[in-house]
C-alpha atoms as a PDB file:
ATOM      1  CA  MET A   1      24.604   9.868   2.938  1.00  0.00           C
ATOM      2  CA  ASN A   2      25.190  13.143   4.757  1.00  0.00           C
ATOM      3  CA  ASP A   3      23.996  12.203   8.290  1.00  0.00           C
ATOM      4  CA  PHE A   4      22.781  15.046  10.411  1.00  0.00           C
ATOM      5  CA  LEU A   5      21.348  14.953  13.944  1.00  0.00           C
ATOM      6  CA  ILE A   6      18.200  16.960  14.592  1.00  0.00           C
ATOM      7  CA  THR A   7      15.675  17.101  17.394  1.00  0.00           C
ATOM      8  CA  VAL A   8      11.974  17.370  16.638  1.00  0.00           C
ATOM      9  CA  ARG A   9       9.190  17.816  19.155  1.00  0.00           C
ATOM     10  CA  ILE A  10       6.014  15.834  18.579  1.00  0.00           C
ATOM     11  CA  ALA A  11       3.174  15.839  21.103  1.00  0.00           C
ATOM     12  CA  ASP A  12       5.364  17.515  23.717  1.00  0.00           C
ATOM     13  CA  ARG A  13       8.124  14.923  23.440  1.00  0.00           C
ATOM     14  CA  GLU A  14      11.507  15.391  21.861  1.00  0.00           C
ATOM     15  CA  TYR A  15      12.920  12.900  19.392  1.00  0.00           C
ATOM     16  CA  LYS A  16      16.488  12.899  18.166  1.00  0.00           C
ATOM     17  CA  LEU A  17      16.769  11.772  14.561  1.00  0.00           C
ATOM     18  CA  ASN A  18      19.715  11.011  12.322  1.00  0.00           C
ATOM     19  CA  ILE A  19      18.664  12.142   8.875  1.00  0.00           C
ATOM     20  CA  ASP A  20      20.206  13.100   5.590  1.00  0.00           C
ATOM     21  CA  LYS A  21      20.829  16.874   5.695  1.00  0.00           C
ATOM     22  CA  LYS A  22      18.827  17.380   2.491  1.00  0.00           C
ATOM     23  CA  ASN A  23      15.718  15.956   4.235  1.00  0.00           C
ATOM     24  CA  GLU A  24      15.826  18.301   7.223  1.00  0.00           C
ATOM     25  CA  GLU A  25      13.234  20.738   5.929  1.00  0.00           C
ATOM     26  CA  VAL A  26      10.815  17.951   5.010  1.00  0.00           C
ATOM     27  CA  VAL A  27      11.173  16.243   8.396  1.00  0.00           C
ATOM     28  CA  ARG A  28      10.686  19.513  10.280  1.00  0.00           C
ATOM     29  CA  LYS A  29       7.612  20.403   8.192  1.00  0.00           C
ATOM     30  CA  ALA A  30       6.172  16.927   8.789  1.00  0.00           C
ATOM     31  CA  ALA A  31       6.671  17.250  12.549  1.00  0.00           C
ATOM     32  CA  ARG A  32       5.071  20.703  12.458  1.00  0.00           C
ATOM     33  CA  LYS A  33       2.103  19.305  10.498  1.00  0.00           C
ATOM     34  CA  ILE A  34       1.655  16.480  13.020  1.00  0.00           C
ATOM     35  CA  ASN A  35       1.631  18.982  15.879  1.00  0.00           C
ATOM     36  CA  GLU A  36      -0.862  21.208  14.050  1.00  0.00           C
ATOM     37  CA  ASN A  37      -3.164  18.228  13.561  1.00  0.00           C
ATOM     38  CA  ILE A  38      -2.804  17.222  17.213  1.00  0.00           C
ATOM     39  CA  THR A  39      -3.814  20.744  18.232  1.00  0.00           C
ATOM     40  CA  LYS A  40      -6.776  20.659  15.848  1.00  0.00           C
ATOM     41  CA  TYR A  41      -8.019  17.356  17.283  1.00  0.00           C
ATOM     42  CA  ALA A  42      -7.413  18.542  20.855  1.00  0.00           C
ATOM     43  CA  GLU A  43      -9.637  21.561  20.226  1.00  0.00           C
ATOM     44  CA  SER A  44     -12.361  19.527  18.523  1.00  0.00           C
ATOM     45  CA  PHE A  45     -12.660  16.303  20.525  1.00  0.00           C
ATOM     46  CA  ASN A  46     -12.660  15.019  24.064  1.00  0.00           C
ATOM     47  CA  TYR A  47      -9.620  12.877  24.727  1.00  0.00           C
ATOM     48  CA  LYS A  48      -8.015  11.098  27.645  1.00  0.00           C
ATOM     49  CA  ASP A  49      -4.379  11.626  26.733  1.00  0.00           C
ATOM     50  CA  LYS A  50      -2.041  12.479  23.871  1.00  0.00           C
ATOM     51  CA  GLN A  51      -2.137   8.839  22.746  1.00  0.00           C
ATOM     52  CA  ASP A  52      -5.741   9.363  21.586  1.00  0.00           C
ATOM     53  CA  LEU A  53      -4.707  12.430  19.588  1.00  0.00           C
ATOM     54  CA  LEU A  54      -1.715  10.642  18.077  1.00  0.00           C
ATOM     55  CA  ALA A  55      -3.976   7.755  17.058  1.00  0.00           C
ATOM     56  CA  MET A  56      -6.358  10.128  15.275  1.00  0.00           C
ATOM     57  CA  VAL A  57      -3.532  11.949  13.495  1.00  0.00           C
ATOM     58  CA  THR A  58      -2.023   8.608  12.464  1.00  0.00           C
ATOM     59  CA  LEU A  59      -5.371   7.447  11.102  1.00  0.00           C
ATOM     60  CA  GLN A  60      -5.812  10.717   9.204  1.00  0.00           C
ATOM     61  CA  HIS A  61      -2.400  10.366   7.563  1.00  0.00           C
ATOM     62  CA  ALA A  62      -2.939   6.679   6.776  1.00  0.00           C
ATOM     63  CA  VAL A  63      -6.267   7.475   5.082  1.00  0.00           C
ATOM     64  CA  LYS A  64      -4.575  10.152   2.982  1.00  0.00           C
ATOM     65  CA  GLU A  65      -1.800   7.723   2.038  1.00  0.00           C
ATOM     66  CA  VAL A  66      -4.305   5.049   0.956  1.00  0.00           C
ATOM     67  CA  GLU A  67      -6.281   7.597  -1.062  1.00  0.00           C
ATOM     68  CA  LEU A  68      -3.114   8.861  -2.736  1.00  0.00           C
ATOM     69  CA  ALA A  69      -2.006   5.317  -3.586  1.00  0.00           C
ATOM     70  CA  ARG A  70      -5.424   4.666  -5.135  1.00  0.00           C
ATOM     71  CA  GLN A  71      -5.186   7.856  -7.201  1.00  0.00           C
ATOM     72  CA  VAL A  72      -1.664   6.996  -8.371  1.00  0.00           C
ATOM     73  CA  ALA A  73      -2.759   3.479  -9.376  1.00  0.00           C
ATOM     74  CA  PHE A  74      -5.697   4.925 -11.309  1.00  0.00           C
ATOM     75  CA  LYS A  75      -3.461   7.450 -13.099  1.00  0.00           C
ATOM     76  CA  GLU A  76      -0.923   4.727 -13.918  1.00  0.00           C
ATOM     77  CA  GLU A  77      -3.713   2.578 -15.363  1.00  0.00           C
ATOM     78  CA  GLN A  78      -4.949   5.496 -17.473  1.00  0.00           C
ATOM     79  CA  LEU A  79      -1.409   6.178 -18.661  1.00  0.00           C
ATOM     80  CA  PHE A  80      -0.906   2.526 -19.591  1.00  0.00           C
ATOM     81  CA  GLU A  81      -4.166   2.502 -21.558  1.00  0.00           C
ATOM     82  CA  LYS A  82      -3.134   5.653 -23.439  1.00  0.00           C
ATOM     83  CA  LEU A  83       0.294   4.202 -24.223  1.00  0.00           C
ATOM     84  CA  VAL A  84      -1.310   1.017 -25.544  1.00  0.00           C
ATOM     85  CA  GLU A  85      -3.588   3.132 -27.743  1.00  0.00           C
ATOM     86  CA  ILE A  86      -0.644   5.203 -29.030  1.00  0.00           C
ATOM     87  CA  ASP A  87       1.293   2.017 -29.752  1.00  0.00           C
ATOM     88  CA  ARG A  88      -1.685   0.599 -31.651  1.00  0.00           C
ATOM     89  CA  VAL A  89      -2.093   3.759 -33.747  1.00  0.00           C
ATOM     90  CA  LEU A  90       1.639   3.972 -34.497  1.00  0.00           C
ATOM     91  CA  SER A  91       1.800   0.275 -35.405  1.00  0.00           C
ATOM     92  CA  GLU A  92      -1.121   0.712 -37.787  1.00  0.00           C
ATOM     93  CA  LYS A  93       0.500   3.736 -39.433  1.00  0.00           C
ATOM     94  CA  LEU A  94       3.866   2.000 -39.770  1.00  0.00           C
ATOM     95  CA  SER A  95       2.320  -1.089 -41.349  1.00  0.00           C
ATOM     96  CA  GLU A  96       0.566   0.955 -44.066  1.00  0.00           C
END
């Protein structure tokens, strides 16, 4: 692993992270996306402190992750069904 120290700012706090150099762009984009979502929630809702905004952003990302996992599972199931069908057709043709 090619460790690399970066600092990202999330919700006005700095965090030092040791990451693999190849992941730097992804980590920085993720931090930027979190901050964009915090700003969006701050403009749209009443809140007491940044903790409320972080909770909403976390919930938003968790919902997206659950939805994506459900979609992946559905696609995998469809793929498996298609492969079973292909196997059946090929087995029938080979046994002729």
